């Protein structure tokens, strides 16, 4: 019998290993969670959200406003 990703014993073992692992950065945790849950489809949405957030943050300055208007 092959084990699946939803096997409770594997989940308990994975949680035990994570509890003794050294702390990781937020990006490393995100990458690990995306790989564990096979959620790579969410990555383009996160990148788009980050780029738009950066554009909005930069738009607060008067110097960057003309450059952003040219993009759209």
Protein backbone atom coordinates (compact mmCIF):
# COMPACT_ATOMS: atom_id res chain seq x y z
CA UNK A 1 0.00 0.00 0.00
CA UNK A 2 1.40 3.37 -0.97
CA UNK A 3 1.09 6.33 1.33
CA UNK A 4 -0.62 9.49 0.20
CA UNK A 5 -0.14 13.12 1.14
CA UNK A 6 -3.16 12.82 3.45
CA UNK A 7 -1.76 9.90 5.44
CA UNK A 8 -2.09 10.91 9.14
CA UNK A 9 1.16 9.22 10.14
CA UNK A 10 3.11 11.18 7.52
CA UNK A 11 1.48 14.40 8.65
CA UNK A 12 2.39 13.72 12.29
CA UNK A 13 5.97 12.87 11.30
CA UNK A 14 6.25 16.03 9.16
CA UNK A 15 4.97 18.18 12.02
CA UNK A 16 7.44 16.56 14.40
CA UNK A 17 10.32 17.25 12.03
CA UNK A 18 9.23 20.86 11.58
CA UNK A 19 9.04 21.40 15.31
CA UNK A 20 12.73 20.52 15.73
CA UNK A 21 13.91 22.31 12.58
CA UNK A 22 15.67 25.67 12.91
CA UNK A 23 13.58 28.76 12.13
CA UNK A 24 13.37 29.71 8.46
CA UNK A 25 12.74 32.97 6.67
CA UNK A 26 9.23 33.80 5.49
CA UNK A 27 10.17 33.16 1.85
CA UNK A 28 11.65 29.75 2.69
CA UNK A 29 8.48 28.82 4.58
CA UNK A 30 6.32 29.98 1.68
CA UNK A 31 8.35 27.95 -0.81
CA UNK A 32 8.18 24.86 1.43
CA UNK A 33 4.42 25.20 1.90
CA UNK A 34 3.84 25.68 -1.83
CA UNK A 35 5.85 22.54 -2.53
CA UNK A 36 4.22 20.51 0.25
CA UNK A 37 0.70 21.33 -0.86
CA UNK A 38 1.46 21.40 -4.61
CA UNK A 39 0.05 24.91 -4.82
CA UNK A 40 2.40 26.30 -7.47
CA UNK A 41 -0.60 27.79 -9.27
CA UNK A 42 -0.82 30.50 -6.59
CA UNK A 43 2.70 31.79 -7.28
CA UNK A 44 1.74 34.00 -10.29
CA UNK A 45 -0.96 35.65 -8.19
CA UNK A 46 1.53 36.38 -5.40
CA UNK A 47 4.06 37.84 -7.84
CA UNK A 48 1.38 40.03 -9.44
CA UNK A 49 0.23 41.21 -6.02
CA UNK A 50 3.81 42.05 -5.03
CA UNK A 51 4.45 44.01 -8.26
CA UNK A 52 1.21 45.98 -7.95
CA UNK A 53 1.96 46.71 -4.29
CA UNK A 54 5.39 47.99 -5.27
CA UNK A 55 3.88 50.21 -7.96
CA UNK A 56 1.35 51.63 -5.51
CA UNK A 57 4.06 52.26 -2.95
CA UNK A 58 6.20 54.03 -5.55
CA UNK A 59 3.21 56.07 -6.78
CA UNK A 60 3.20 57.99 -3.51
CA UNK A 61 6.21 59.98 -4.72
CA UNK A 62 5.77 62.77 -7.24
CA UNK A 63 8.84 61.70 -9.21
CA UNK A 64 7.61 58.19 -10.00
CA UNK A 65 4.05 59.11 -11.00
CA UNK A 66 4.87 59.97 -14.67
CA UNK A 67 6.78 56.72 -15.07
CA UNK A 68 3.86 54.67 -13.73
CA UNK A 69 1.36 56.49 -15.98
CA UNK A 70 3.44 55.49 -19.00
CA UNK A 71 3.08 51.81 -18.06
CA UNK A 72 -0.69 51.98 -18.31
